[in-house]
Amino acid sequence: MRGLLRNFGLNVGQASGGTFDGRIRELVEHDAELTEIMEPLLAGRRKLREGLAKLEKRVLAEAKQDEVCRRLMTVRAHHVDPANAHKILLSAHRLNNYVVRPISRRAGRRLHAEALGWLHVLPR
């Protein structure tokens, strides 16, 4: 939406999630064609945000029910949010289900790097 409006010389500027819709409507209120273009886009954005909020609630509820996820979320000095804890847990389950032979040293390093990336830890 920002890019589309920029083509018409309109700059949205900084607008947070709560003020974005209002700012877009404010910019296009003088042009009926732009209003006609933006309304479906704003409706789609609103629907996506509602769906994302429901999904985040579901992931949080599942993470709170799982003991491993709860422990991952208490890692000191690194904030592991419920989504990342859930992702780490699912990856571990996937590895347990599909790895039937010892992994190579290179694959082990790659997995270690991925895990550190999930925890937002940088190697020294």
PDB file of N, CA and C in Angstrom:
ATOM      1  N   MET A   1       0.820  -1.180   0.000  1.00  0.00           N
ATOM      2  CA  MET A   1       0.000   0.000   0.000  1.00  0.00           C
ATOM      3  C   MET A   1       0.870   1.251   0.000  1.00  0.00           C
ATOM      4  N   ARG A   2       1.928   1.201   0.795  1.00  0.00           N
ATOM      5  CA  ARG A   2       2.833   2.351   0.835  1.00  0.00           C
ATOM      6  C   ARG A   2       3.412   2.626  -0.549  1.00  0.00           C
ATOM      7  N   GLY A   3       3.854   1.564  -1.219  1.00  0.00           N
ATOM      8  CA  GLY A   3       4.446   1.715  -2.543  1.00  0.00           C
ATOM      9  C   GLY A   3       3.437   2.212  -3.558  1.00  0.00           C
ATOM     10  N   LEU A   4       2.225   1.720  -3.471  1.00  0.00           N
ATOM     11  CA  LEU A   4       1.180   2.153  -4.390  1.00  0.00           C
ATOM     12  C   LEU A   4       0.888   3.639  -4.209  1.00  0.00           C
ATOM     13  N   LEU A   5       0.786   4.069  -2.975  1.00  0.00           N
ATOM     14  CA  LEU A   5       0.516   5.483  -2.717  1.00  0.00           C
ATOM     15  C   LEU A   5       1.711   6.358  -3.092  1.00  0.00           C
ATOM     16  N   ARG A   6       2.902   5.816  -2.936  1.00  0.00           N
ATOM     17  CA  ARG A   6       4.101   6.580  -3.296  1.00  0.00           C
ATOM     18  C   ARG A   6       4.097   6.906  -4.793  1.00  0.00           C
ATOM     19  N   ASN A   7       3.554   6.011  -5.606  1.00  0.00           N
ATOM     20  CA  ASN A   7       3.444   6.274  -7.045  1.00  0.00           C
ATOM     21  C   ASN A   7       2.576   7.498  -7.336  1.00  0.00           C
ATOM     22  N   PHE A   8       1.667   7.827  -6.419  1.00  0.00           N
ATOM     23  CA  PHE A   8       0.804   8.990  -6.580  1.00  0.00           C
ATOM     24  C   PHE A   8       1.328  10.197  -5.810  1.00  0.00           C
ATOM     25  N   GLY A   9       2.554  10.088  -5.292  1.00  0.00           N
ATOM     26  CA  GLY A   9       3.156  11.204  -4.566  1.00  0.00           C
ATOM     27  C   GLY A   9       2.667  11.330  -3.142  1.00  0.00           C
ATOM     28  N   LEU A  10       2.069  10.298  -2.598  1.00  0.00           N
ATOM     29  CA  LEU A  10       1.565  10.327  -1.225  1.00  0.00           C
ATOM     30  C   LEU A  10       2.484   9.503  -0.330  1.00  0.00           C
ATOM     31  N   ASN A  11       2.874  10.083   0.791  1.00  0.00           N
ATOM     32  CA  ASN A  11       3.774   9.410   1.711  1.00  0.00           C
ATOM     33  C   ASN A  11       3.035   9.108   3.006  1.00  0.00           C
ATOM     34  N   VAL A  12       2.980   7.845   3.360  1.00  0.00           N
ATOM     35  CA  VAL A  12       2.264   7.431   4.568  1.00  0.00           C
ATOM     36  C   VAL A  12       3.018   7.873   5.809  1.00  0.00           C
ATOM     37  N   GLY A  13       4.337   7.834   5.771  1.00  0.00           N
ATOM     38  CA  GLY A  13       5.128   8.183   6.941  1.00  0.00           C
ATOM     39  C   GLY A  13       5.049   7.102   7.992  1.00  0.00           C
ATOM     40  N   GLN A  14       5.380   7.476   9.223  1.00  0.00           N
ATOM     41  CA  GLN A  14       5.329   6.485  10.298  1.00  0.00           C
ATOM     42  C   GLN A  14       3.895   6.341  10.785  1.00  0.00           C
ATOM     43  N   ALA A  15       3.427   5.132  10.756  1.00  0.00           N
ATOM     44  CA  ALA A  15       2.084   4.835  11.254  1.00  0.00           C
ATOM     45  C   ALA A  15       2.131   3.446  11.862  1.00  0.00           C
ATOM     46  N   SER A  16       1.758   3.353  13.125  1.00  0.00           N
ATOM     47  CA  SER A  16       1.773   2.054  13.803  1.00  0.00           C
ATOM     48  C   SER A  16       0.544   1.259  13.382  1.00  0.00           C
ATOM     49  N   GLY A  17       0.440   0.046  13.895  1.00  0.00           N
ATOM     50  CA  GLY A  17      -0.663  -0.837  13.521  1.00  0.00           C
ATOM     51  C   GLY A  17      -2.030  -0.228  13.753  1.00  0.00           C
ATOM     52  N   GLY A  18      -2.185   0.528  14.822  1.00  0.00           N
ATOM     53  CA  GLY A  18      -3.483   1.101  15.136  1.00  0.00           C
ATOM     54  C   GLY A  18      -3.837   2.325  14.320  1.00  0.00           C
ATOM     55  N   THR A  19      -2.844   3.050  13.825  1.00  0.00           N
ATOM     56  CA  THR A  19      -3.111   4.299  13.106  1.00  0.00           C
ATOM     57  C   THR A  19      -2.928   4.170  11.601  1.00  0.00           C
ATOM     58  N   PHE A  20      -2.481   3.014  11.128  1.00  0.00           N
ATOM     59  CA  PHE A  20      -2.184   2.844   9.712  1.00  0.00           C
ATOM     60  C   PHE A  20      -3.432   3.011   8.851  1.00  0.00           C
ATOM     61  N   ASP A  21      -4.518   2.330   9.219  1.00  0.00           N
ATOM     62  CA  ASP A  21      -5.754   2.416   8.437  1.00  0.00           C
ATOM     63  C   ASP A  21      -6.239   3.864   8.338  1.00  0.00           C
ATOM     64  N   GLY A  22      -6.247   4.543   9.468  1.00  0.00           N
ATOM     65  CA  GLY A  22      -6.692   5.932   9.487  1.00  0.00           C
ATOM     66  C   GLY A  22      -5.821   6.831   8.632  1.00  0.00           C
ATOM     67  N   ARG A  23      -4.516   6.600   8.670  1.00  0.00           N
ATOM     68  CA  ARG A  23      -3.599   7.416   7.875  1.00  0.00           C
ATOM     69  C   ARG A  23      -3.831   7.184   6.378  1.00  0.00           C
ATOM     70  N   ILE A  24      -4.048   5.946   5.978  1.00  0.00           N
ATOM     71  CA  ILE A  24      -4.310   5.638   4.571  1.00  0.00           C
ATOM     72  C   ILE A  24      -5.602   6.313   4.125  1.00  0.00           C
ATOM     73  N   ARG A  25      -6.642   6.193   4.932  1.00  0.00           N
ATOM     74  CA  ARG A  25      -7.923   6.814   4.579  1.00  0.00           C
ATOM     75  C   ARG A  25      -7.803   8.333   4.481  1.00  0.00           C
ATOM     76  N   GLU A  26      -7.018   8.893   5.384  1.00  0.00           N
ATOM     77  CA  GLU A  26      -6.780  10.342   5.368  1.00  0.00           C
ATOM     78  C   GLU A  26      -6.095  10.781   4.070  1.00  0.00           C
ATOM     79  N   LEU A  27      -5.149   9.987   3.609  1.00  0.00           N
ATOM     80  CA  LEU A  27      -4.419  10.335   2.389  1.00  0.00           C
ATOM     81  C   LEU A  27      -5.273  10.208   1.131  1.00  0.00           C
ATOM     82  N   VAL A  28      -6.189   9.240   1.103  1.00  0.00           N
ATOM     83  CA  VAL A  28      -6.937   8.985  -0.129  1.00  0.00           C
ATOM     84  C   VAL A  28      -8.341   9.563  -0.125  1.00  0.00           C
ATOM     85  N   GLU A  29      -8.742  10.267   0.925  1.00  0.00           N
ATOM     86  CA  GLU A  29     -10.115  10.761   1.012  1.00  0.00           C
ATOM     87  C   GLU A  29     -10.470  11.747  -0.100  1.00  0.00           C
ATOM     88  N   HIS A  30      -9.493  12.415  -0.660  1.00  0.00           N
ATOM     89  CA  HIS A  30      -9.764  13.404  -1.703  1.00  0.00           C
ATOM     90  C   HIS A  30      -9.887  12.784  -3.103  1.00  0.00           C
ATOM     91  N   ASP A  31      -9.529  11.497  -3.238  1.00  0.00           N
ATOM     92  CA  ASP A  31      -9.523  10.850  -4.549  1.00  0.00           C
ATOM     93  C   ASP A  31     -10.383   9.583  -4.487  1.00  0.00           C
ATOM     94  N   ALA A  32     -11.524   9.611  -5.197  1.00  0.00           N
ATOM     95  CA  ALA A  32     -12.466   8.486  -5.155  1.00  0.00           C
ATOM     96  C   ALA A  32     -11.856   7.208  -5.722  1.00  0.00           C
ATOM     97  N   GLU A  33     -11.041   7.318  -6.761  1.00  0.00           N
ATOM     98  CA  GLU A  33     -10.431   6.130  -7.354  1.00  0.00           C
ATOM     99  C   GLU A  33      -9.446   5.470  -6.391  1.00  0.00           C
ATOM    100  N   LEU A  34      -8.634   6.292  -5.738  1.00  0.00           N
ATOM    101  CA  LEU A  34      -7.688   5.728  -4.764  1.00  0.00           C
ATOM    102  C   LEU A  34      -8.429   5.104  -3.583  1.00  0.00           C
ATOM    103  N   THR A  35      -9.506   5.735  -3.169  1.00  0.00           N
ATOM    104  CA  THR A  35     -10.303   5.167  -2.080  1.00  0.00           C
ATOM    105  C   THR A  35     -10.854   3.805  -2.484  1.00  0.00           C
ATOM    106  N   GLU A  36     -11.322   3.714  -3.720  1.00  0.00           N
ATOM    107  CA  GLU A  36     -11.860   2.454  -4.232  1.00  0.00           C
ATOM    108  C   GLU A  36     -10.784   1.366  -4.294  1.00  0.00           C
ATOM    109  N   ILE A  37      -9.550   1.768  -4.567  1.00  0.00           N
ATOM    110  CA  ILE A  37      -8.434   0.817  -4.628  1.00  0.00           C
ATOM    111  C   ILE A  37      -8.008   0.394  -3.221  1.00  0.00           C
ATOM    112  N   MET A  38      -7.952   1.344  -2.303  1.00  0.00           N
ATOM    113  CA  MET A  38      -7.401   1.076  -0.977  1.00  0.00           C
ATOM    114  C   MET A  38      -8.349   0.326  -0.049  1.00  0.00           C
ATOM    115  N   GLU A  39      -9.646   0.538  -0.167  1.00  0.00           N
ATOM    116  CA  GLU A  39     -10.584  -0.098   0.766  1.00  0.00           C
ATOM    117  C   GLU A  39     -10.463  -1.620   0.791  1.00  0.00           C
ATOM    118  N   PRO A  40     -10.444  -2.317  -0.366  1.00  0.00           N
ATOM    119  CA  PRO A  40     -10.276  -3.779  -0.307  1.00  0.00           C
ATOM    120  C   PRO A  40      -8.918  -4.191   0.268  1.00  0.00           C
ATOM    121  N   LEU A  41      -7.892  -3.403  -0.012  1.00  0.00           N
ATOM    122  CA  LEU A  41      -6.572  -3.723   0.532  1.00  0.00           C
ATOM    123  C   LEU A  41      -6.564  -3.576   2.053  1.00  0.00           C
ATOM    124  N   LEU A  42      -7.199  -2.515   2.539  1.00  0.00           N
ATOM    125  CA  LEU A  42      -7.280  -2.329   3.993  1.00  0.00           C
ATOM    126  C   LEU A  42      -8.115  -3.425   4.648  1.00  0.00           C
ATOM    127  N   ALA A  43      -9.184  -3.839   3.980  1.00  0.00           N
ATOM    128  CA  ALA A  43     -10.016  -4.921   4.525  1.00  0.00           C
ATOM    129  C   ALA A  43      -9.218  -6.222   4.584  1.00  0.00           C
ATOM    130  N   GLY A  44      -8.454  -6.516   3.535  1.00  0.00           N
ATOM    131  CA  GLY A  44      -7.612  -7.712   3.536  1.00  0.00           C
ATOM    132  C   GLY A  44      -6.557  -7.661   4.611  1.00  0.00           C
ATOM    133  N   ARG A  45      -5.948  -6.498   4.796  1.00  0.00           N
ATOM    134  CA  ARG A  45      -4.924  -6.330   5.836  1.00  0.00           C
ATOM    135  C   ARG A  45      -5.537  -6.555   7.219  1.00  0.00           C
ATOM    136  N   ARG A  46      -6.726  -5.995   7.433  1.00  0.00           N
ATOM    137  CA  ARG A  46      -7.405  -6.157   8.715  1.00  0.00           C
ATOM    138  C   ARG A  46      -7.692  -7.632   8.987  1.00  0.00           C
ATOM    139  N   LYS A  47      -8.160  -8.346   7.955  1.00  0.00           N
ATOM    140  CA  LYS A  47      -8.467  -9.774   8.096  1.00  0.00           C
ATOM    141  C   LYS A  47      -7.207 -10.574   8.410  1.00  0.00           C
ATOM    142  N   LEU A  48      -6.095 -10.241   7.728  1.00  0.00           N
ATOM    143  CA  LEU A  48      -4.830 -10.928   8.000  1.00  0.00           C
ATOM    144  C   LEU A  48      -4.360 -10.693   9.429  1.00  0.00           C
ATOM    145  N   ARG A  49      -4.485  -9.453   9.896  1.00  0.00           N
ATOM    146  CA  ARG A  49      -4.062  -9.144  11.270  1.00  0.00           C
ATOM    147  C   ARG A  49      -4.912  -9.891  12.294  1.00  0.00           C
ATOM    148  N   GLU A  50      -6.220 -10.011  12.033  1.00  0.00           N
ATOM    149  CA  GLU A  50      -7.095 -10.773  12.934  1.00  0.00           C
ATOM    150  C   GLU A  50      -6.702 -12.247  12.952  1.00  0.00           C
ATOM    151  N   GLY A  51      -6.431 -12.812  11.771  1.00  0.00           N
ATOM    152  CA  GLY A  51      -6.007 -14.207  11.698  1.00  0.00           C
ATOM    153  C   GLY A  51      -4.681 -14.439  12.396  1.00  0.00           C
ATOM    154  N   LEU A  52      -3.752 -13.500  12.238  1.00  0.00           N
ATOM    155  CA  LEU A  52      -2.451 -13.616  12.905  1.00  0.00           C
ATOM    156  C   LEU A  52      -2.612 -13.566  14.420  1.00  0.00           C
ATOM    157  N   ALA A  53      -3.487 -12.691  14.905  1.00  0.00           N
ATOM    158  CA  ALA A  53      -3.709 -12.606  16.350  1.00  0.00           C
ATOM    159  C   ALA A  53      -4.262 -13.923  16.892  1.00  0.00           C
ATOM    160  N   LYS A  54      -5.196 -14.545  16.161  1.00  0.00           N
ATOM    161  CA  LYS A  54      -5.738 -15.839  16.586  1.00  0.00           C
ATOM    162  C   LYS A  54      -4.653 -16.914  16.595  1.00  0.00           C
ATOM    163  N   LEU A  55      -3.826 -16.905  15.556  1.00  0.00           N
ATOM    164  CA  LEU A  55      -2.754 -17.888  15.465  1.00  0.00           C
ATOM    165  C   LEU A  55      -1.741 -17.710  16.598  1.00  0.00           C
ATOM    166  N   GLU A  56      -1.388 -16.468  16.904  1.00  0.00           N
ATOM    167  CA  GLU A  56      -0.449 -16.213  17.996  1.00  0.00           C
ATOM    168  C   GLU A  56      -1.007 -16.699  19.332  1.00  0.00           C
ATOM    169  N   LYS A  57      -2.311 -16.479  19.565  1.00  0.00           N
ATOM    170  CA  LYS A  57      -2.939 -16.970  20.794  1.00  0.00           C
ATOM    171  C   LYS A  57      -2.863 -18.490  20.872  1.00  0.00           C
ATOM    172  N   ARG A  58      -3.110 -19.144  19.734  1.00  0.00           N
ATOM    173  CA  ARG A  58      -3.080 -20.609  19.695  1.00  0.00           C
ATOM    174  C   ARG A  58      -1.674 -21.137  19.985  1.00  0.00           C
ATOM    175  N   VAL A  59      -0.665 -20.521  19.364  1.00  0.00           N
ATOM    176  CA  VAL A  59       0.722 -20.948  19.587  1.00  0.00           C
ATOM    177  C   VAL A  59       1.105 -20.725  21.045  1.00  0.00           C
ATOM    178  N   LEU A  60       0.711 -19.589  21.615  1.00  0.00           N
ATOM    179  CA  LEU A  60       1.011 -19.313  23.020  1.00  0.00           C
ATOM    180  C   LEU A  60       0.361 -20.346  23.928  1.00  0.00           C
ATOM    181  N   ALA A  61      -0.895 -20.684  23.644  1.00  0.00           N
ATOM    182  CA  ALA A  61      -1.590 -21.684  24.469  1.00  0.00           C
ATOM    183  C   ALA A  61      -0.896 -23.041  24.377  1.00  0.00           C
ATOM    184  N   GLU A  62      -0.500 -23.448  23.163  1.00  0.00           N
ATOM    185  CA  GLU A  62       0.182 -24.729  23.006  1.00  0.00           C
ATOM    186  C   GLU A  62       1.549 -24.712  23.685  1.00  0.00           C
ATOM    187  N   ALA A  63       2.260 -23.594  23.581  1.00  0.00           N
ATOM    188  CA  ALA A  63       3.577 -23.501  24.206  1.00  0.00           C
ATOM    189  C   ALA A  63       3.462 -23.548  25.727  1.00  0.00           C
ATOM    190  N   LYS A  64       2.420 -22.933  26.279  1.00  0.00           N
ATOM    191  CA  LYS A  64       2.231 -22.949  27.733  1.00  0.00           C
ATOM    192  C   LYS A  64       1.880 -24.346  28.244  1.00  0.00           C
ATOM    193  N   GLN A  65       1.272 -25.174  27.397  1.00  0.00           N
ATOM    194  CA  GLN A  65       0.888 -26.524  27.810  1.00  0.00           C
ATOM    195  C   GLN A  65       2.060 -27.497  27.752  1.00  0.00           C
ATOM    196  N   ASP A  66       3.060 -27.194  26.959  1.00  0.00           N
ATOM    197  CA  ASP A  66       4.185 -28.105  26.779  1.00  0.00           C
ATOM    198  C   ASP A  66       5.313 -27.755  27.738  1.00  0.00           C
ATOM    199  N   GLU A  67       5.763 -28.737  28.499  1.00  0.00           N
ATOM    200  CA  GLU A  67       6.794 -28.499  29.505  1.00  0.00           C
ATOM    201  C   GLU A  67       8.114 -28.040  28.886  1.00  0.00           C
ATOM    202  N   VAL A  68       8.505 -28.644  27.766  1.00  0.00           N
ATOM    203  CA  VAL A  68       9.762 -28.274  27.114  1.00  0.00           C
ATOM    204  C   VAL A  68       9.709 -26.832  26.625  1.00  0.00           C
ATOM    205  N   CYS A  69       8.611 -26.432  26.034  1.00  0.00           N
ATOM    206  CA  CYS A  69       8.467 -25.052  25.568  1.00  0.00           C
ATOM    207  C   CYS A  69       8.522 -24.077  26.739  1.00  0.00           C
ATOM    208  N   ARG A  70       7.874 -24.435  27.839  1.00  0.00           N
ATOM    209  CA  ARG A  70       7.919 -23.548  29.016  1.00  0.00           C
ATOM    210  C   ARG A  70       9.345 -23.377  29.505  1.00  0.00           C
ATOM    211  N   ARG A  71      10.121 -24.477  29.511  1.00  0.00           N
ATOM    212  CA  ARG A  71      11.519 -24.371  29.941  1.00  0.00           C
ATOM    213  C   ARG A  71      12.349 -23.556  28.968  1.00  0.00           C
ATOM    214  N   LEU A  72      12.103 -23.731  27.665  1.00  0.00           N
ATOM    215  CA  LEU A  72      12.831 -22.942  26.670  1.00  0.00           C
ATOM    216  C   LEU A  72      12.541 -21.448  26.827  1.00  0.00           C
ATOM    217  N   MET A  73      11.313 -21.104  27.193  1.00  0.00           N
ATOM    218  CA  MET A  73      10.954 -19.699  27.332  1.00  0.00           C
ATOM    219  C   MET A  73      11.565 -19.069  28.581  1.00  0.00           C
ATOM    220  N   THR A  74      12.139 -19.889  29.474  1.00  0.00           N
ATOM    221  CA  THR A  74      12.765 -19.338  30.672  1.00  0.00           C
ATOM    222  C   THR A  74      14.287 -19.259  30.555  1.00  0.00           C
ATOM    223  N   VAL A  75      14.831 -19.478  29.357  1.00  0.00           N
ATOM    224  CA  VAL A  75      16.279 -19.409  29.165  1.00  0.00           C
ATOM    225  C   VAL A  75      16.760 -18.020  29.548  1.00  0.00           C
ATOM    226  N   ARG A  76      17.730 -17.966  30.434  1.00  0.00           N
ATOM    227  CA  ARG A  76      18.244 -16.677  30.895  1.00  0.00           C
ATOM    228  C   ARG A  76      19.027 -15.973  29.806  1.00  0.00           C
ATOM    229  N   ALA A  77      18.958 -14.677  29.815  1.00  0.00           N
ATOM    230  CA  ALA A  77      19.716 -13.771  28.947  1.00  0.00           C
ATOM    231  C   ALA A  77      19.284 -13.831  27.488  1.00  0.00           C
ATOM    232  N   HIS A  78      18.388 -14.734  27.133  1.00  0.00           N
ATOM    233  CA  HIS A  78      17.908 -14.812  25.753  1.00  0.00           C
ATOM    234  C   HIS A  78      16.412 -14.994  25.792  1.00  0.00           C
ATOM    235  N   HIS A  79      15.716 -14.044  25.216  1.00  0.00           N
ATOM    236  CA  HIS A  79      14.258 -14.136  25.201  1.00  0.00           C
ATOM    237  C   HIS A  79      13.833 -15.116  24.115  1.00  0.00           C
ATOM    238  N   VAL A  80      13.268 -16.215  24.538  1.00  0.00           N
ATOM    239  CA  VAL A  80      12.720 -17.184  23.596  1.00  0.00           C
ATOM    240  C   VAL A  80      11.208 -17.053  23.690  1.00  0.00           C
ATOM    241  N   ASP A  81      10.611 -16.484  22.657  1.00  0.00           N
ATOM    242  CA  ASP A  81       9.166 -16.303  22.692  1.00  0.00           C
ATOM    243  C   ASP A  81       8.473 -17.627  22.382  1.00  0.00           C
ATOM    244  N   PRO A  82       7.168 -17.697  22.622  1.00  0.00           N
ATOM    245  CA  PRO A  82       6.460 -18.964  22.413  1.00  0.00           C
ATOM    246  C   PRO A  82       6.596 -19.523  20.998  1.00  0.00           C
ATOM    247  N   ALA A  83       6.602 -18.649  20.002  1.00  0.00           N
ATOM    248  CA  ALA A  83       6.712 -19.129  18.623  1.00  0.00           C
ATOM    249  C   ALA A  83       8.061 -19.802  18.391  1.00  0.00           C
ATOM    250  N   ASN A  84       9.136 -19.206  18.889  1.00  0.00           N
ATOM    251  CA  ASN A  84      10.462 -19.815  18.719  1.00  0.00           C
ATOM    252  C   ASN A  84      10.588 -21.101  19.526  1.00  0.00           C
ATOM    253  N   ALA A  85      10.040 -21.117  20.729  1.00  0.00           N
ATOM    254  CA  ALA A  85      10.085 -22.342  21.533  1.00  0.00           C
ATOM    255  C   ALA A  85       9.350 -23.463  20.818  1.00  0.00           C
ATOM    256  N   HIS A  86       8.220 -23.126  20.238  1.00  0.00           N
ATOM    257  CA  HIS A  86       7.429 -24.120  19.497  1.00  0.00           C
ATOM    258  C   HIS A  86       8.209 -24.597  18.271  1.00  0.00           C
ATOM    259  N   LYS A  87       8.879 -23.679  17.576  1.00  0.00           N
ATOM    260  CA  LYS A  87       9.646 -24.040  16.383  1.00  0.00           C
ATOM    261  C   LYS A  87      10.808 -24.971  16.755  1.00  0.00           C
ATOM    262  N   ILE A  88      11.499 -24.679  17.842  1.00  0.00           N
ATOM    263  CA  ILE A  88      12.605 -25.529  18.283  1.00  0.00           C
ATOM    264  C   ILE A  88      12.088 -26.918  18.630  1.00  0.00           C
ATOM    265  N   LEU A  89      10.975 -26.970  19.349  1.00  0.00           N
ATOM    266  CA  LEU A  89      10.398 -28.245  19.746  1.00  0.00           C
ATOM    267  C   LEU A  89       9.977 -29.063  18.526  1.00  0.00           C
ATOM    268  N   LEU A  90       9.310 -28.428  17.565  1.00  0.00           N
ATOM    269  CA  LEU A  90       8.877 -29.151  16.370  1.00  0.00           C
ATOM    270  C   LEU A  90      10.062 -29.636  15.552  1.00  0.00           C
ATOM    271  N   SER A  91      11.134 -28.828  15.488  1.00  0.00           N
ATOM    272  CA  SER A  91      12.323 -29.256  14.754  1.00  0.00           C
ATOM    273  C   SER A  91      12.973 -30.451  15.435  1.00  0.00           C
ATOM    274  N   ALA A  92      12.991 -30.436  16.753  1.00  0.00           N
ATOM    275  CA  ALA A  92      13.565 -31.571  17.478  1.00  0.00           C
ATOM    276  C   ALA A  92      12.737 -32.829  17.232  1.00  0.00           C
ATOM    277  N   HIS A  93      11.408 -32.686  17.245  1.00  0.00           N
ATOM    278  CA  HIS A  93      10.557 -33.841  16.957  1.00  0.00           C
ATOM    279  C   HIS A  93      10.776 -34.340  15.536  1.00  0.00           C
ATOM    280  N   ARG A  94      10.928 -33.405  14.593  1.00  0.00           N
ATOM    281  CA  ARG A  94      11.157 -33.792  13.203  1.00  0.00           C
ATOM    282  C   ARG A  94      12.469 -34.561  13.092  1.00  0.00           C
ATOM    283  N   LEU A  95      13.500 -34.106  13.780  1.00  0.00           N
ATOM    284  CA  LEU A  95      14.783 -34.806  13.739  1.00  0.00           C
ATOM    285  C   LEU A  95      14.653 -36.198  14.344  1.00  0.00           C
ATOM    286  N   ASN A  96      13.935 -36.306  15.453  1.00  0.00           N
ATOM    287  CA  ASN A  96      13.765 -37.611  16.088  1.00  0.00           C
ATOM    288  C   ASN A  96      13.011 -38.574  15.180  1.00  0.00           C
ATOM    289  N   ASN A  97      12.092 -38.056  14.394  1.00  0.00           N
ATOM    290  CA  ASN A  97      11.288 -38.926  13.531  1.00  0.00           C
ATOM    291  C   ASN A  97      12.012 -39.345  12.266  1.00  0.00           C
ATOM    292  N   TYR A  98      12.898 -38.524  11.735  1.00  0.00           N
ATOM    293  CA  TYR A  98      13.435 -38.786  10.410  1.00  0.00           C
ATOM    294  C   TYR A  98      14.914 -39.153  10.364  1.00  0.00           C
ATOM    295  N   VAL A  99      15.668 -38.842  11.389  1.00  0.00           N
ATOM    296  CA  VAL A  99      17.095 -39.167  11.351  1.00  0.00           C
ATOM    297  C   VAL A  99      17.264 -40.599  11.830  1.00  0.00           C
ATOM    298  N   VAL A 100      17.696 -41.478  10.936  1.00  0.00           N
ATOM    299  CA  VAL A 100      17.859 -42.879  11.286  1.00  0.00           C
ATOM    300  C   VAL A 100      19.326 -43.286  11.303  1.00  0.00           C
ATOM    301  N   ARG A 101      20.195 -42.386  10.903  1.00  0.00           N
ATOM    302  CA  ARG A 101      21.625 -42.668  10.928  1.00  0.00           C
ATOM    303  C   ARG A 101      22.317 -41.480  11.572  1.00  0.00           C
ATOM    304  N   PRO A 102      23.497 -41.672  12.100  1.00  0.00           N
ATOM    305  CA  PRO A 102      24.208 -40.542  12.696  1.00  0.00           C
ATOM    306  C   PRO A 102      24.424 -39.448  11.650  1.00  0.00           C
ATOM    307  N   ILE A 103      24.242 -38.208  12.064  1.00  0.00           N
ATOM    308  CA  ILE A 103      24.435 -37.122  11.109  1.00  0.00           C
ATOM    309  C   ILE A 103      25.914 -36.790  11.000  1.00  0.00           C
ATOM    310  N   SER A 104      26.279 -36.252   9.868  1.00  0.00           N
ATOM    311  CA  SER A 104      27.679 -35.915   9.640  1.00  0.00           C
ATOM    312  C   SER A 104      28.088 -34.737  10.512  1.00  0.00           C
ATOM    313  N   ARG A 105      29.356 -34.526  10.619  1.00  0.00           N
ATOM    314  CA  ARG A 105      29.881 -33.427  11.417  1.00  0.00           C
ATOM    315  C   ARG A 105      29.392 -32.083  10.860  1.00  0.00           C
ATOM    316  N   ARG A 106      29.390 -31.970   9.522  1.00  0.00           N
ATOM    317  CA  ARG A 106      28.937 -30.732   8.887  1.00  0.00           C
ATOM    318  C   ARG A 106      27.456 -30.481   9.193  1.00  0.00           C
ATOM    319  N   ALA A 107      26.636 -31.525   9.094  1.00  0.00           N
ATOM    320  CA  ALA A 107      25.208 -31.377   9.385  1.00  0.00           C
ATOM    321  C   ALA A 107      24.992 -31.030  10.851  1.00  0.00           C
ATOM    322  N   GLY A 108      25.811 -31.608  11.723  1.00  0.00           N
ATOM    323  CA  GLY A 108      25.717 -31.289  13.144  1.00  0.00           C
ATOM    324  C   GLY A 108      26.040 -29.831  13.408  1.00  0.00           C
ATOM    325  N   ARG A 109      27.064 -29.310  12.734  1.00  0.00           N
ATOM    326  CA  ARG A 109      27.407 -27.897  12.890  1.00  0.00           C
ATOM    327  C   ARG A 109      26.287 -27.003  12.370  1.00  0.00           C
ATOM    328  N   ARG A 110      25.687 -27.411  11.246  1.00  0.00           N
ATOM    329  CA  ARG A 110      24.594 -26.630  10.673  1.00  0.00           C
ATOM    330  C   ARG A 110      23.399 -26.599  11.634  1.00  0.00           C
ATOM    331  N   LEU A 111      23.063 -27.762  12.212  1.00  0.00           N
ATOM    332  CA  LEU A 111      21.957 -27.832  13.162  1.00  0.00           C
ATOM    333  C   LEU A 111      22.253 -26.974  14.389  1.00  0.00           C
ATOM    334  N   HIS A 112      23.511 -27.038  14.865  1.00  0.00           N
ATOM    335  CA  HIS A 112      23.919 -26.233  16.009  1.00  0.00           C
ATOM    336  C   HIS A 112      23.771 -24.747  15.685  1.00  0.00           C
ATOM    337  N   ALA A 113      24.193 -24.339  14.488  1.00  0.00           N
ATOM    338  CA  ALA A 113      24.082 -22.940  14.085  1.00  0.00           C
ATOM    339  C   ALA A 113      22.620 -22.515  13.999  1.00  0.00           C
ATOM    340  N   GLU A 114      21.751 -23.398  13.488  1.00  0.00           N
ATOM    341  CA  GLU A 114      20.330 -23.078  13.414  1.00  0.00           C
ATOM    342  C   GLU A 114      19.750 -22.886  14.810  1.00  0.00           C
ATOM    343  N   ALA A 115      20.116 -23.785  15.728  1.00  0.00           N
ATOM    344  CA  ALA A 115      19.604 -23.678  17.094  1.00  0.00           C
ATOM    345  C   ALA A 115      20.070 -22.374  17.736  1.00  0.00           C
ATOM    346  N   LEU A 116      21.322 -21.998  17.524  1.00  0.00           N
ATOM    347  CA  LEU A 116      21.811 -20.740  18.070  1.00  0.00           C
ATOM    348  C   LEU A 116      21.092 -19.555  17.440  1.00  0.00           C
ATOM    349  N   GLY A 117      20.780 -19.675  16.159  1.00  0.00           N
ATOM    350  CA  GLY A 117      20.034 -18.615  15.498  1.00  0.00           C
ATOM    351  C   GLY A 117      18.640 -18.462  16.074  1.00  0.00           C
ATOM    352  N   TRP A 118      17.984 -19.600  16.393  1.00  0.00           N
ATOM    353  CA  TRP A 118      16.651 -19.535  16.992  1.00  0.00           C
ATOM    354  C   TRP A 118      16.700 -18.839  18.340  1.00  0.00           C
ATOM    355  N   LEU A 119      17.777 -19.090  19.070  1.00  0.00           N
ATOM    356  CA  LEU A 119      17.898 -18.498  20.410  1.00  0.00           C
ATOM    357  C   LEU A 119      18.506 -17.092  20.362  1.00  0.00           C
ATOM    358  N   HIS A 120      18.820 -16.626  19.174  1.00  0.00           N
ATOM    359  CA  HIS A 120      19.436 -15.315  18.962  1.00  0.00           C
ATOM    360  C   HIS A 120      20.775 -15.204  19.679  1.00  0.00           C
ATOM    361  N   VAL A 121      21.543 -16.290  19.613  1.00  0.00           N
ATOM    362  CA  VAL A 121      22.868 -16.323  20.229  1.00  0.00           C
ATOM    363  C   VAL A 121      23.884 -16.263  19.105  1.00  0.00           C
ATOM    364  N   LEU A 122      24.851 -15.408  19.248  1.00  0.00           N
ATOM    365  CA  LEU A 122      25.906 -15.304  18.250  1.00  0.00           C
ATOM    366  C   LEU A 122      27.149 -16.014  18.762  1.00  0.00           C
ATOM    367  N   PRO A 123      27.847 -16.771  17.901  1.00  0.00           N
ATOM    368  CA  PRO A 123      29.085 -17.420  18.348  1.00  0.00           C
ATOM    369  C   PRO A 123      30.148 -16.366  18.644  1.00  0.00           C
ATOM    370  N   ARG A 124      31.092 -16.734  19.499  1.00  0.00           N
ATOM    371  CA  ARG A 124      32.155 -15.773  19.861  1.00  0.00           C
ATOM    372  C   ARG A 124      33.072 -15.509  18.712  1.00  0.00           C
TER     373      ARG A 124
END
